[in-house]
């Protein structure tokens, strides 16, 4: 089983056991506007599939430390490979707008991002079919979130650019 197939399987298991999202209490922020012309998005990542990155820096300390340098925070919520948690979102949101990063394959994850206070949600284009990626992006926009669609090639970037709406395209060519 390749990595993305394993990821999808664990997300499905998570979705079967996660409670519903909390009601949103944090104000929505226009993520694109918050970034300005050249905004830095600081990522909080405790681990990756290659191993632990850093566990000794609590999330709230990281967010406080970078509050004067970053325009927004990227918060990983995937618990198995990245040791993320939805509860990190409100900690970051206390300082800056938040992009929720996870392996999003279902609308419920978009709703979790919304409920926990994120302003944007990452959608990895090659993780789901084109129609599903569009559906997730549209759902995010209906909730007021900015969909950030990650592609890994120019052809997919051009495709996503035709969607309209407030979609932000991120390029991650490993």
Protein backbone atom coordinates (compact mmCIF):
# COMPACT_ATOMS: atom_id res chain seq x y z
CA UNK A 1 0.00 0.00 0.00
CA UNK A 2 1.48 3.37 -0.98
CA UNK A 3 1.60 6.29 1.45
CA UNK A 4 -1.44 8.15 0.12
CA UNK A 5 -3.55 4.98 0.18
CA UNK A 6 -2.50 4.39 3.79
CA UNK A 7 -3.34 8.01 4.60
CA UNK A 8 -6.83 7.68 3.12
CA UNK A 9 -7.44 4.55 5.17
CA UNK A 10 -6.44 6.23 8.43
CA UNK A 11 -8.56 9.30 7.61
CA UNK A 12 -11.56 7.03 7.04
CA UNK A 13 -10.94 5.41 10.44
CA UNK A 14 -10.63 8.84 12.07
CA UNK A 15 -13.87 10.01 10.48
CA UNK A 16 -15.67 6.96 11.85
CA UNK A 17 -14.65 7.79 15.42
CA UNK A 18 -14.29 11.59 15.65
CA UNK A 19 -17.00 13.54 17.43
CA UNK A 20 -18.80 16.27 15.48
CA UNK A 21 -17.06 19.64 15.22
CA UNK A 22 -17.66 22.19 17.94
CA UNK A 23 -19.75 25.27 17.15
CA UNK A 24 -17.55 28.03 15.77
CA UNK A 25 -16.83 30.87 18.17
CA UNK A 26 -13.82 32.48 16.46
CA UNK A 27 -14.42 35.23 13.89
CA UNK A 28 -13.69 34.37 10.27
CA UNK A 29 -10.74 36.22 8.76
CA UNK A 30 -10.20 36.70 5.02
CA UNK A 31 -7.10 34.52 4.71
CA UNK A 32 -5.88 35.99 1.41
CA UNK A 33 -6.32 39.55 2.66
CA UNK A 34 -4.47 38.68 5.88
CA UNK A 35 -1.47 37.48 3.87
CA UNK A 36 -1.23 40.77 2.03
CA UNK A 37 1.14 41.11 -0.88
CA UNK A 38 3.88 38.94 0.62
CA UNK A 39 2.79 37.23 3.81
CA UNK A 40 4.69 34.53 5.63
CA UNK A 41 2.76 31.44 6.71
CA UNK A 42 4.55 29.77 9.63
CA UNK A 43 3.91 26.03 9.89
CA UNK A 44 3.58 24.23 13.20
CA UNK A 45 4.66 20.64 12.61
CA UNK A 46 5.58 18.26 15.43
CA UNK A 47 6.48 15.32 13.20
CA UNK A 48 6.50 14.03 9.64
CA UNK A 49 6.42 10.52 8.15
CA UNK A 50 10.23 10.57 8.48
CA UNK A 51 10.05 11.03 12.25
CA UNK A 52 9.73 13.53 15.05
CA UNK A 53 10.58 17.14 14.18
CA UNK A 54 10.19 18.79 17.56
CA UNK A 55 8.10 17.96 20.60
CA UNK A 56 9.71 20.21 23.19
CA UNK A 57 8.09 23.43 21.90
CA UNK A 58 4.42 23.62 22.91
CA UNK A 59 2.12 24.96 20.19
CA UNK A 60 1.06 28.07 22.13
CA UNK A 61 4.71 28.99 22.74
CA UNK A 62 5.51 28.60 19.02
CA UNK A 63 2.56 30.77 17.99
CA UNK A 64 3.40 33.45 20.54
CA UNK A 65 7.07 33.43 19.51
CA UNK A 66 6.27 34.06 15.84
CA UNK A 67 3.31 36.40 16.19
CA UNK A 68 5.31 39.43 15.02
CA UNK A 69 6.92 37.60 12.08
CA UNK A 70 4.14 35.58 10.48
CA UNK A 71 1.00 36.77 8.71
CA UNK A 72 -0.72 33.43 9.36
CA UNK A 73 -0.15 29.97 10.75
CA UNK A 74 -0.37 26.59 9.09
CA UNK A 75 -1.47 24.00 11.64
CA UNK A 76 -1.22 20.27 11.03
CA UNK A 77 -4.12 18.32 12.46
CA UNK A 78 -3.24 14.83 11.20
CA UNK A 79 -2.49 12.80 14.37
CA UNK A 80 -0.70 9.66 13.18
CA UNK A 81 2.19 10.81 10.98
CA UNK A 82 2.35 14.49 11.96
CA UNK A 83 1.23 14.31 15.61
CA UNK A 84 -1.24 17.10 14.88
CA UNK A 85 -4.48 17.93 16.63
CA UNK A 86 -7.52 20.05 15.85
CA UNK A 87 -7.09 21.61 19.29
CA UNK A 88 -3.94 23.38 18.05
CA UNK A 89 -6.10 25.54 15.75
CA UNK A 90 -7.64 27.77 18.47
CA UNK A 91 -4.20 28.19 20.04
CA UNK A 92 -2.88 29.59 16.76
CA UNK A 93 -6.08 31.53 16.06
CA UNK A 94 -5.51 33.51 19.27
CA UNK A 95 -2.64 35.20 17.40
CA UNK A 96 -3.19 34.99 13.62
CA UNK A 97 -5.40 33.54 10.86
CA UNK A 98 -5.05 29.77 10.46
CA UNK A 99 -4.70 27.32 7.57
CA UNK A 100 -5.70 23.81 8.65
CA UNK A 101 -3.45 21.19 7.05
CA UNK A 102 -4.58 17.61 6.93
CA UNK A 103 -5.34 14.95 4.36
CA UNK A 104 -8.82 16.24 3.59
CA UNK A 105 -11.02 13.72 1.80
CA UNK A 106 -14.43 14.46 3.32
CA UNK A 107 -16.66 17.49 3.96
CA UNK A 108 -16.69 16.66 7.67
CA UNK A 109 -13.00 17.57 7.85
CA UNK A 110 -13.79 20.95 6.31
CA UNK A 111 -16.48 21.36 8.95
CA UNK A 112 -13.94 20.45 11.66
CA UNK A 113 -11.62 23.16 10.32
CA UNK A 114 -14.49 25.63 10.47
CA UNK A 115 -15.66 24.57 13.93
CA UNK A 116 -12.21 24.79 15.47
CA UNK A 117 -11.65 28.28 14.05
CA UNK A 118 -9.53 27.87 10.92
CA UNK A 119 -9.81 30.47 8.15
CA UNK A 120 -8.46 28.28 5.35
CA UNK A 121 -8.25 24.56 4.64
CA UNK A 122 -5.70 22.61 2.60
CA UNK A 123 -6.98 20.30 -0.13
CA UNK A 124 -4.35 18.09 -1.76
CA UNK A 125 -5.44 17.75 -5.38
CA UNK A 126 -3.82 14.39 -6.08
CA UNK A 127 -5.24 12.83 -2.91
CA UNK A 128 -8.81 12.90 -4.24
CA UNK A 129 -10.48 12.87 -7.64
CA UNK A 130 -10.91 16.20 -9.45
CA UNK A 131 -14.66 16.36 -8.76
CA UNK A 132 -14.13 15.61 -5.07
CA UNK A 133 -11.46 18.31 -4.78
CA UNK A 134 -13.86 20.81 -6.37
CA UNK A 135 -16.67 19.70 -4.04
CA UNK A 136 -14.43 20.16 -0.98
CA UNK A 137 -13.29 23.60 -2.18
CA UNK A 138 -16.89 24.70 -2.79
CA UNK A 139 -17.94 23.44 0.64
CA UNK A 140 -15.09 25.36 2.26
CA UNK A 141 -16.16 28.53 0.46
CA UNK A 142 -19.80 28.08 1.51
CA UNK A 143 -18.58 28.03 5.12
CA UNK A 144 -16.48 31.16 4.53
CA UNK A 145 -13.14 29.34 4.51
CA UNK A 146 -10.46 29.88 1.88
CA UNK A 147 -9.67 26.63 0.07
CA UNK A 148 -5.93 26.23 -0.52
CA UNK A 149 -5.55 23.59 -3.22
CA UNK A 150 -2.11 22.00 -3.33
CA UNK A 151 -0.91 20.74 -6.71
CA UNK A 152 2.38 19.23 -7.79
CA UNK A 153 2.54 20.22 -11.45
CA UNK A 154 1.71 23.06 -13.82
CA UNK A 155 -1.10 21.21 -15.61
CA UNK A 156 -3.02 20.71 -12.36
CA UNK A 157 -2.37 24.33 -11.35
CA UNK A 158 -3.90 25.50 -14.63
CA UNK A 159 -6.90 23.22 -14.07
CA UNK A 160 -7.52 24.51 -10.54
CA UNK A 161 -7.15 28.10 -11.78
CA UNK A 162 -10.27 27.60 -13.92
CA UNK A 163 -12.47 26.81 -10.91
CA UNK A 164 -13.20 30.41 -10.00
CA UNK A 165 -14.13 31.46 -6.50
CA UNK A 166 -11.53 32.28 -3.87
CA UNK A 167 -9.33 29.23 -4.40
CA UNK A 168 -5.65 29.71 -3.56
CA UNK A 169 -3.24 27.45 -5.42
CA UNK A 170 -0.23 26.08 -3.58
CA UNK A 171 2.52 24.24 -5.42
CA UNK A 172 4.40 21.47 -3.66
CA UNK A 173 6.63 19.61 -6.09
CA UNK A 174 8.57 17.14 -3.97
